[in-house]
Protein backbone atom coordinates (compact mmCIF):
# COMPACT_ATOMS: atom_id res chain seq x y z
CA UNK A 1 224.98 21.53 129.78
CA UNK A 2 222.67 21.48 126.75
CA UNK A 3 220.68 24.60 125.86
CA UNK A 4 217.95 25.42 123.36
CA UNK A 5 217.73 29.15 122.62
CA UNK A 6 214.80 31.00 121.03
CA UNK A 7 215.29 34.64 119.97
CA UNK A 8 213.98 36.25 116.78
CA UNK A 9 216.55 39.07 116.52
CA UNK A 10 219.50 37.66 114.61
CA UNK A 11 222.28 39.72 116.20
CA UNK A 12 221.00 39.12 119.73
CA UNK A 13 220.53 35.40 119.05
CA UNK A 14 224.07 35.06 117.73
CA UNK A 15 225.42 37.08 120.63
CA UNK A 16 223.67 34.84 123.16
CA UNK A 17 224.93 31.72 121.40
CA UNK A 18 228.50 33.05 121.58
CA UNK A 19 228.09 34.03 125.24
CA UNK A 20 226.67 30.65 126.27
CA UNK A 21 229.34 28.71 124.41
CA UNK A 22 232.04 30.89 125.97
CA UNK A 23 230.78 29.66 129.35
CA UNK A 24 230.90 26.02 128.25
CA UNK A 25 227.22 25.53 127.46
CA UNK A 26 226.35 23.31 124.50
CA UNK A 27 223.80 25.24 122.39
CA UNK A 28 222.09 22.37 120.60
CA UNK A 29 219.60 24.61 118.77
CA UNK A 30 219.16 28.36 118.25
CA UNK A 31 215.80 29.13 116.66
CA UNK A 32 213.73 32.19 115.80
CA UNK A 33 210.07 31.09 115.80
CA UNK A 34 207.52 29.38 118.02
CA UNK A 35 207.07 26.26 115.88
CA UNK A 36 210.85 25.82 115.59
CA UNK A 37 211.17 26.18 119.35
CA UNK A 38 208.58 23.52 120.15
CA UNK A 39 210.21 21.08 117.73
CA UNK A 40 213.70 21.75 119.14
CA UNK A 41 212.59 21.34 122.77
CA UNK A 42 210.80 18.06 122.15
CA UNK A 43 213.57 16.71 119.92
CA UNK A 44 216.61 17.71 121.98
CA UNK A 45 215.10 17.68 125.51
CA UNK A 46 217.75 20.16 126.71
CA UNK A 47 218.94 20.80 130.25
CA UNK A 48 217.45 24.30 129.96
CA UNK A 49 215.56 26.43 127.44
CA UNK A 50 216.22 30.17 127.10
CA UNK A 51 213.11 31.62 125.51
CA UNK A 52 211.87 35.01 124.31
CA UNK A 53 208.13 35.60 124.73
CA UNK A 54 207.32 37.25 121.40
CA UNK A 55 208.40 35.15 118.44
CA UNK A 56 207.19 34.72 114.85
CA UNK A 57 204.74 34.13 113.36
CA UNK A 58 202.43 36.26 115.55
CA UNK A 59 204.95 38.15 117.72
CA UNK A 60 202.56 37.90 120.68
CA UNK A 61 203.27 35.01 123.06
CA UNK A 62 204.61 32.31 120.75
CA UNK A 63 207.67 31.61 122.89
CA UNK A 64 205.76 30.99 126.11
CA UNK A 65 203.10 28.94 124.36
CA UNK A 66 205.79 26.75 122.78
CA UNK A 67 207.50 26.31 126.17
CA UNK A 68 204.19 25.32 127.79
CA UNK A 69 203.43 22.85 125.01
CA UNK A 70 206.91 21.35 125.33
CA UNK A 71 206.57 20.93 129.11
CA UNK A 72 203.48 18.83 128.55
CA UNK A 73 205.60 16.43 126.51
CA UNK A 74 208.79 16.84 128.58
CA UNK A 75 207.58 17.27 132.19
CA UNK A 76 209.79 19.46 134.35
CA UNK A 77 211.67 20.96 131.39
CA UNK A 78 213.60 23.95 132.87
CA UNK A 79 212.63 27.22 131.17
CA UNK A 80 214.25 30.64 131.51
CA UNK A 81 212.20 33.35 129.86
CA UNK A 82 214.28 36.30 128.63
CA UNK A 83 212.05 39.04 127.31
CA UNK A 84 211.16 42.72 127.20
CA UNK A 85 207.60 41.90 128.22
CA UNK A 86 205.75 40.33 131.15
CA UNK A 87 203.01 38.07 129.82
CA UNK A 88 201.11 37.43 133.06
CA UNK A 89 198.59 34.82 131.88
CA UNK A 90 201.08 32.40 130.35
CA UNK A 91 203.73 33.15 132.97
CA UNK A 92 201.28 32.00 135.64
CA UNK A 93 200.51 28.88 133.62
CA UNK A 94 204.23 28.16 133.35
CA UNK A 95 204.47 28.38 137.13
CA UNK A 96 201.34 26.37 137.78
CA UNK A 97 202.56 22.77 137.61
CA UNK A 98 205.23 23.32 140.26
CA UNK A 99 207.90 21.19 138.56
CA UNK A 100 211.23 22.00 136.98
CA UNK A 101 213.32 25.14 137.14
CA UNK A 102 211.66 28.41 136.15
CA UNK A 103 213.08 31.86 135.47
CA UNK A 104 211.76 35.10 134.02
CA UNK A 105 214.22 37.92 133.33
CA UNK A 106 213.61 41.24 131.59
CA UNK A 107 216.19 42.00 128.91
CA UNK A 108 216.68 45.63 129.88
CA UNK A 109 217.32 44.64 133.51
CA UNK A 110 220.04 42.05 132.91
CA UNK A 111 223.01 44.21 133.76
CA UNK A 112 225.96 41.86 133.32
CA UNK A 113 227.07 38.51 131.95
CA UNK A 114 227.48 36.92 135.38
CA UNK A 115 223.86 37.66 136.30
CA UNK A 116 222.57 36.01 133.14
CA UNK A 117 224.84 32.96 133.27
CA UNK A 118 224.07 32.44 136.97
CA UNK A 119 220.34 32.52 136.16
CA UNK A 120 220.73 29.94 133.37
CA UNK A 121 222.64 27.59 135.66
CA UNK A 122 220.21 28.08 138.54
CA UNK A 123 217.17 27.29 136.41
CA UNK A 124 218.90 24.29 134.83
CA UNK A 125 219.54 22.97 138.35
CA UNK A 126 215.82 23.20 139.15
CA UNK A 127 215.83 26.57 140.91
CA UNK A 128 214.20 29.92 140.22
CA UNK A 129 215.48 33.21 138.80
CA UNK A 130 212.76 35.85 138.78
CA UNK A 131 213.17 39.55 138.04
CA UNK A 132 211.72 41.72 140.84
CA UNK A 133 209.48 43.57 138.35
CA UNK A 134 208.05 40.27 137.16
CA UNK A 135 207.47 39.20 140.75
CA UNK A 136 205.63 42.46 141.49
CA UNK A 137 203.28 42.03 138.53
CA UNK A 138 202.56 38.37 139.25
CA UNK A 139 201.89 39.09 142.90
CA UNK A 140 199.06 41.58 142.36
CA UNK A 141 196.15 40.51 144.59
CA UNK A 142 198.04 37.47 145.92
CA UNK A 143 197.75 38.83 149.46
CA UNK A 144 194.06 37.86 149.41
CA UNK A 145 194.84 34.23 148.63
CA UNK A 146 195.26 31.53 151.26
CA UNK A 147 197.69 30.32 152.47
CA UNK A 148 199.75 33.20 151.02
CA UNK A 149 197.71 35.59 153.15
CA UNK A 150 199.09 33.94 156.30
CA UNK A 151 202.58 35.30 155.66
CA UNK A 152 203.81 38.28 157.63
CA UNK A 153 205.18 41.31 155.73
CA UNK A 154 208.74 40.22 156.62
CA UNK A 155 208.09 36.67 155.40
CA UNK A 156 206.79 38.08 152.13
CA UNK A 157 210.00 40.09 151.77
CA UNK A 158 212.05 36.97 152.38
CA UNK A 159 210.03 35.00 149.85
CA UNK A 160 210.30 37.75 147.22
CA UNK A 161 214.10 37.60 147.52
CA UNK A 162 213.96 33.80 147.49
CA UNK A 163 212.12 34.08 144.17
CA UNK A 164 215.05 36.04 142.78
CA UNK A 165 217.19 33.00 143.59
CA UNK A 166 219.02 34.50 146.56
CA UNK A 167 220.53 32.31 149.28
CA UNK A 168 219.71 32.79 152.97
CA UNK A 169 223.02 34.61 153.41
CA UNK A 170 222.26 36.99 150.53
CA UNK A 171 218.72 37.58 151.82
CA UNK A 172 220.15 38.39 155.24
CA UNK A 173 222.53 40.96 153.76
CA UNK A 174 219.71 42.58 151.80
CA UNK A 175 217.32 42.77 154.76
CA UNK A 176 219.99 43.37 157.46
CA UNK A 177 219.15 40.09 159.19
CA UNK A 178 221.37 37.31 160.46
CA UNK A 179 221.47 34.12 158.41
CA UNK A 180 219.88 32.25 161.31
CA UNK A 181 217.01 34.77 161.43
CA UNK A 182 216.41 34.24 157.72
CA UNK A 183 216.43 30.49 158.36
CA UNK A 184 213.69 30.92 160.95
CA UNK A 185 211.62 32.97 158.52
CA UNK A 186 212.01 30.36 155.77
CA UNK A 187 211.01 27.58 158.16
CA UNK A 188 207.90 29.56 159.07
CA UNK A 189 207.14 30.14 155.38
CA UNK A 190 207.40 26.41 154.64
CA UNK A 191 205.03 25.67 157.52
CA UNK A 192 202.45 28.27 156.51
CA UNK A 193 202.50 27.05 152.91
CA UNK A 194 201.99 23.46 154.09
CA UNK A 195 205.24 22.25 152.51
CA UNK A 196 206.18 18.99 154.21
CA UNK A 197 209.83 18.33 155.13
CA UNK A 198 211.98 17.42 152.13
CA UNK A 199 215.09 18.68 150.42
CA UNK A 200 215.30 22.39 151.30
CA UNK A 201 216.19 23.45 147.75
CA UNK A 202 213.07 21.72 146.48
CA UNK A 203 210.92 23.34 149.16
CA UNK A 204 212.32 26.76 148.28
CA UNK A 205 211.26 26.31 144.68
CA UNK A 206 207.81 25.03 145.67
CA UNK A 207 207.35 27.97 148.03
CA UNK A 208 208.28 30.43 145.30
CA UNK A 209 205.95 28.80 142.79
CA UNK A 210 203.08 28.79 145.29
CA UNK A 211 203.73 32.44 146.06
CA UNK A 212 203.91 33.66 142.47
CA UNK A 213 200.99 31.53 141.37
CA UNK A 214 198.81 32.80 144.21
CA UNK A 215 198.05 29.36 145.57
């Protein structure tokens, strides 16, 4: 699996390269700035991009802007944001087109290697991997939006956990529900969000994107 990595801190960048390669990822480019990231993404068209938000030259939102620009040229390019910051405006824009895998993890909340590697693989496969804190910030005021406002409190809980990339079985364990009960909730969510029958994995991603983007 081919990866482009963008991280401005040298030691962290080298550590991530070593970690990814140890898990049989092919790191085709490891860059430290926004312009380098955009060039690498368009040139290599990787299976997944792992991107910090704040990169040179401005150290504001260069990483997200480069990822957004690359997705315009490479539609559906999977992007996993790995950052200390939640940049709400550009994160929403990244979610807005509803295509390709998307993840947003906070560096200080990635507690082990398995969690990170699982997130990279999930996003590369077209899924989602969202940190709960990111979800909470992106969801502010979403309850007033239709059709999101149609969801019951329990359905919102299920969808929040779905956004973290959890399976129905894992959601059931977290909420003390049977797997079949979770399945009923997800079916209701799909119906309320007007997601027509298709591959369930695809509908899960679309439901998450609709939820986080407030559509």
